[in-house]
N, C-alpha and C. Protein backbone atom coordinates (compact mmCIF):
# COMPACT_ATOMS: atom_id res chain seq x y z
N UNK A 1 27.28 21.38 -0.94
CA UNK A 1 28.59 20.72 -1.00
C UNK A 1 28.78 19.97 0.55
N UNK A 2 28.55 20.77 1.35
CA UNK A 2 29.01 20.05 2.96
C UNK A 2 27.68 18.73 2.85
N UNK A 3 26.74 18.85 2.50
CA UNK A 3 26.04 17.48 2.74
C UNK A 3 26.71 16.27 1.82
N UNK A 4 27.06 16.89 0.63
CA UNK A 4 27.68 15.99 -0.35
C UNK A 4 29.17 15.12 0.45
N UNK A 5 29.80 16.15 1.11
CA UNK A 5 31.15 15.99 1.93
C UNK A 5 30.97 14.97 2.95
N UNK A 6 29.49 14.59 3.70
CA UNK A 6 29.37 13.56 4.79
C UNK A 6 28.89 12.17 3.91
N UNK A 7 28.49 12.45 2.66
CA UNK A 7 27.60 11.26 1.86
C UNK A 7 28.89 10.40 1.70
N UNK A 8 28.68 8.93 2.16
CA UNK A 8 29.58 7.72 1.85
C UNK A 8 29.10 7.09 0.69
N UNK A 9 29.77 6.74 -0.43
CA UNK A 9 29.00 5.90 -1.11
C UNK A 9 29.10 4.55 -0.87
N UNK A 10 27.96 3.77 -1.25
CA UNK A 10 27.99 2.41 -0.95
C UNK A 10 29.15 1.38 -1.83
N UNK A 11 29.70 0.38 -1.23
CA UNK A 11 30.35 -0.36 -2.23
C UNK A 11 29.56 -1.31 -2.90
N UNK A 12 30.46 -1.91 -3.89
CA UNK A 12 29.81 -2.81 -4.76
C UNK A 12 29.36 -4.10 -4.11
N UNK A 13 29.96 -4.54 -2.93
CA UNK A 13 29.74 -5.39 -1.91
C UNK A 13 28.44 -5.16 -1.36
N UNK A 14 28.16 -3.78 -0.65
CA UNK A 14 26.83 -3.83 0.04
C UNK A 14 25.79 -3.71 -1.25
N UNK A 15 25.92 -3.32 -2.36
CA UNK A 15 25.06 -3.33 -3.33
C UNK A 15 24.56 -4.81 -3.74
N UNK A 16 25.81 -5.63 -3.90
CA UNK A 16 25.47 -6.91 -4.06
C UNK A 16 24.53 -7.54 -2.95
N UNK A 17 24.71 -7.31 -1.72
CA UNK A 17 24.34 -7.91 -0.58
C UNK A 17 22.78 -7.33 -0.79
N UNK A 18 22.56 -5.84 -0.92
CA UNK A 18 21.12 -5.40 -0.96
C UNK A 18 20.20 -6.22 -1.86
N UNK A 19 20.98 -6.51 -3.02
CA UNK A 19 20.31 -7.25 -4.28
C UNK A 19 19.89 -8.63 -3.91
N UNK A 20 20.75 -9.32 -3.38
CA UNK A 20 20.28 -10.78 -2.82
C UNK A 20 19.22 -10.61 -1.99
N UNK A 21 19.50 -9.51 -0.95
CA UNK A 21 18.06 -9.43 0.22
C UNK A 21 16.95 -9.14 -0.39
N UNK A 22 16.90 -8.49 -1.29
CA UNK A 22 15.70 -8.00 -1.99
C UNK A 22 15.02 -9.14 -2.78
N UNK A 23 16.19 -9.84 -3.77
CA UNK A 23 15.48 -11.02 -4.40
C UNK A 23 14.97 -12.27 -3.51
N UNK A 24 15.51 -12.22 -2.10
CA UNK A 24 15.15 -13.38 -1.19
C UNK A 24 13.66 -12.72 -0.64
N UNK A 25 13.52 -11.65 -0.36
CA UNK A 25 12.25 -11.05 0.15
C UNK A 25 11.26 -10.98 -0.82
N UNK A 26 11.66 -10.42 -2.00
CA UNK A 26 10.80 -10.72 -3.33
C UNK A 26 9.98 -12.35 -3.41
N UNK A 27 10.86 -13.27 -3.44
CA UNK A 27 10.49 -14.65 -3.45
C UNK A 27 9.66 -15.00 -2.20
N UNK A 28 9.99 -14.57 -1.05
CA UNK A 28 9.52 -14.98 -0.05
C UNK A 28 8.06 -14.46 0.09
N UNK A 29 7.85 -12.95 -0.27
CA UNK A 29 6.51 -12.75 -0.50
C UNK A 29 5.60 -13.15 -1.51
N UNK A 30 6.23 -13.61 -2.69
CA UNK A 30 5.51 -14.21 -3.62
C UNK A 30 5.01 -15.88 -3.29
N UNK A 31 5.92 -16.49 -2.23
CA UNK A 31 5.57 -17.66 -1.82
C UNK A 31 4.48 -17.52 -0.81
N UNK A 32 4.37 -16.42 0.17
CA UNK A 32 3.43 -16.13 0.89
C UNK A 32 2.17 -15.98 0.29
N UNK A 33 2.22 -15.13 -0.75
CA UNK A 33 1.03 -15.04 -1.14
C UNK A 33 0.18 -16.03 -1.76
N UNK A 34 1.16 -17.04 -2.25
CA UNK A 34 0.80 -18.30 -3.39
C UNK A 34 -0.06 -19.17 -1.93
N UNK A 35 0.43 -19.24 -0.67
CA UNK A 35 0.14 -20.04 0.49
C UNK A 35 -1.38 -19.24 0.89
N UNK A 36 -1.04 -17.98 1.03
CA UNK A 36 -2.71 -17.45 1.24
C UNK A 36 -3.58 -17.38 0.21
N UNK A 37 -3.18 -17.55 -0.92
CA UNK A 37 -4.58 -17.80 -2.09
C UNK A 37 -4.83 -19.16 -1.85
N UNK A 38 -4.28 -20.24 -1.61
CA UNK A 38 -4.54 -21.50 -1.54
C UNK A 38 -5.24 -21.98 -0.28
N UNK A 39 -5.05 -21.03 1.20
CA UNK A 39 -5.42 -21.01 1.99
C UNK A 39 -6.99 -20.23 2.17
N UNK A 40 -7.19 -19.27 1.38
CA UNK A 40 -8.01 -18.22 1.41
C UNK A 40 -9.54 -18.85 1.53
N UNK A 41 -9.40 -19.50 0.78
CA UNK A 41 -11.43 -20.17 0.70
C UNK A 41 -11.72 -21.58 1.43
N UNK A 42 -10.62 -21.97 2.27
CA UNK A 42 -10.77 -22.93 3.37
C UNK A 42 -11.94 -22.70 4.39
N UNK A 43 -13.01 -23.36 4.44
CA UNK A 43 -14.15 -23.04 5.28
C UNK A 43 -14.78 -22.20 5.22
N UNK A 44 -14.67 -21.04 4.38
CA UNK A 44 -15.60 -20.05 3.93
C UNK A 44 -16.83 -20.56 3.25
N UNK A 45 -17.91 -20.05 3.70
CA UNK A 45 -19.26 -20.54 2.99
C UNK A 45 -19.68 -19.08 1.94
N UNK A 46 -19.57 -17.85 2.76
CA UNK A 46 -19.79 -17.02 2.15
C UNK A 46 -19.16 -16.54 0.59
N UNK A 47 -20.01 -16.30 -0.22
CA UNK A 47 -19.38 -15.97 -1.60
C UNK A 47 -18.97 -14.66 -1.79
N UNK A 48 -19.07 -13.67 -0.79
CA UNK A 48 -19.01 -12.10 -0.72
C UNK A 48 -17.42 -11.90 -0.16
N UNK A 49 -17.17 -13.35 1.01
CA UNK A 49 -15.83 -13.26 1.60
C UNK A 49 -14.90 -13.90 0.76
N UNK A 50 -15.25 -14.61 -0.04
CA UNK A 50 -14.34 -15.45 -0.93
C UNK A 50 -13.99 -14.52 -2.06
N UNK A 51 -15.09 -13.62 -2.56
CA UNK A 51 -14.79 -12.40 -3.50
C UNK A 51 -13.78 -11.42 -2.96
N UNK A 52 -13.98 -10.94 -2.06
CA UNK A 52 -13.38 -10.08 -1.03
C UNK A 52 -11.75 -10.65 -1.06
N UNK A 53 -11.65 -11.79 -0.34
CA UNK A 53 -10.18 -12.36 -0.29
C UNK A 53 -9.55 -12.63 -1.52
N UNK A 54 -10.22 -12.76 -2.60
CA UNK A 54 -9.62 -12.97 -3.91
C UNK A 54 -9.25 -11.52 -4.54
N UNK A 55 -9.84 -10.62 -4.25
CA UNK A 55 -9.87 -9.36 -4.81
C UNK A 55 -8.30 -8.69 -3.91
N UNK A 56 -8.49 -8.81 -2.49
CA UNK A 56 -7.12 -8.38 -1.59
C UNK A 56 -5.90 -9.30 -2.25
N UNK A 57 -6.07 -10.48 -2.41
CA UNK A 57 -4.78 -10.85 -2.92
C UNK A 57 -4.62 -10.53 -4.15
N UNK A 58 -5.49 -10.32 -5.24
CA UNK A 58 -5.00 -10.08 -6.71
C UNK A 58 -4.34 -8.44 -6.23
N UNK A 59 -4.72 -7.92 -5.49
CA UNK A 59 -4.23 -6.21 -5.05
C UNK A 59 -2.91 -6.34 -4.75
N UNK A 60 -2.68 -7.23 -3.77
CA UNK A 60 -1.44 -7.72 -3.04
C UNK A 60 -0.53 -8.12 -4.20
N UNK A 61 -0.81 -9.11 -4.88
CA UNK A 61 0.16 -9.63 -5.74
C UNK A 61 0.63 -9.00 -7.03
N UNK A 62 -0.71 -7.70 -7.46
CA UNK A 62 -0.08 -6.89 -8.25
C UNK A 62 0.75 -5.82 -7.78
N UNK A 63 0.50 -5.40 -6.80
CA UNK A 63 1.57 -4.59 -6.15
C UNK A 63 2.73 -5.03 -5.87
N UNK A 64 3.01 -6.39 -5.57
CA UNK A 64 4.49 -7.01 -5.59
C UNK A 64 4.96 -7.11 -7.00
N UNK A 65 4.21 -7.20 -7.98
CA UNK A 65 4.89 -7.28 -9.31
C UNK A 65 5.26 -5.99 -9.51
N UNK A 66 4.54 -4.80 -9.38
CA UNK A 66 5.18 -3.66 -9.70
C UNK A 66 6.37 -2.95 -8.99
N UNK A 67 6.38 -3.56 -7.86
CA UNK A 67 7.53 -3.38 -6.95
C UNK A 67 8.77 -4.17 -7.60
N UNK A 68 8.69 -5.49 -8.00
CA UNK A 68 9.66 -6.22 -8.68
C UNK A 68 10.02 -5.57 -10.07
N UNK A 69 9.22 -5.20 -11.03
CA UNK A 69 9.37 -4.27 -12.10
C UNK A 69 10.42 -3.53 -11.70
N UNK A 70 9.93 -2.32 -10.89
CA UNK A 70 10.71 -1.41 -10.46
C UNK A 70 12.27 -1.67 -10.15
N UNK A 71 12.34 -2.66 -9.37
CA UNK A 71 13.57 -3.25 -8.93
C UNK A 71 14.24 -3.72 -9.81
N UNK A 72 13.91 -4.28 -10.75
CA UNK A 72 14.27 -4.95 -12.09
C UNK A 72 14.77 -3.94 -13.11
N UNK A 73 14.10 -2.79 -12.93
CA UNK A 73 14.60 -1.52 -13.97
C UNK A 73 15.60 -1.07 -13.14
N UNK A 74 15.70 -0.63 -11.99
CA UNK A 74 16.62 0.11 -11.14
C UNK A 74 18.30 -1.23 -11.12
N UNK A 75 18.01 -2.23 -11.07
CA UNK A 75 19.22 -3.03 -11.36
C UNK A 75 19.42 -3.18 -12.76
N UNK A 76 18.90 -2.88 -13.83
CA UNK A 76 19.56 -3.00 -15.04
C UNK A 76 20.25 -1.54 -15.30
N UNK A 77 19.73 -0.67 -14.83
CA UNK A 77 20.37 1.02 -14.72
C UNK A 77 21.94 0.64 -13.98
N UNK A 78 22.07 0.11 -12.88
CA UNK A 78 23.37 -0.39 -12.19
C UNK A 78 24.22 -1.34 -13.28
N UNK A 79 23.77 -2.29 -13.33
CA UNK A 79 24.40 -3.19 -14.67
C UNK A 79 24.94 -2.34 -15.57
N UNK A 80 23.83 -1.50 -16.16
CA UNK A 80 24.47 -0.63 -17.46
C UNK A 80 25.56 0.23 -16.99
N UNK A 81 25.24 0.88 -15.66
CA UNK A 81 26.47 1.78 -15.46
C UNK A 81 27.95 1.03 -15.27
N UNK A 82 27.94 -0.34 -14.79
CA UNK A 82 29.01 -1.11 -14.26
C UNK A 82 29.68 -1.37 -15.84
N UNK A 83 28.65 -1.83 -16.79
CA UNK A 83 29.35 -1.84 -17.87
C UNK A 83 30.13 -0.90 -18.45
N UNK A 84 29.40 0.19 -18.37
CA UNK A 84 30.11 1.49 -19.25
C UNK A 84 31.21 1.78 -18.66
N UNK A 85 31.23 1.56 -17.32
CA UNK A 85 32.33 2.11 -16.59
C UNK A 85 33.62 1.04 -17.03
N UNK A 86 33.37 -0.20 -17.00
CA UNK A 86 34.57 -1.25 -17.49
C UNK A 86 35.02 -0.74 -19.12
N UNK A 87 33.89 -0.51 -19.91
CA UNK A 87 34.31 0.11 -21.39
C UNK A 87 35.48 1.14 -21.27
N UNK A 88 35.16 2.29 -20.44
CA UNK A 88 36.07 3.34 -19.87
C UNK A 88 37.35 2.88 -19.59
């Protein structure tokens, strides 16, 4: 209980700001991956290097998609809680 007494809840404004920042960050990451993918093969002659870069970018893109999915699920839980609270 001592730990909980020191715990301060975040305000809805703080949560909204985190949501906005997260969305901007995810969009920025997706744009950066897209740009890297466009530039990855310029000037590269080796098929092995091209294949490696493609695999790395695929991995990074997949990771970002999983992070976005997790974020969306957590946001949906928050929205559901707000709706449930308003019903009460």
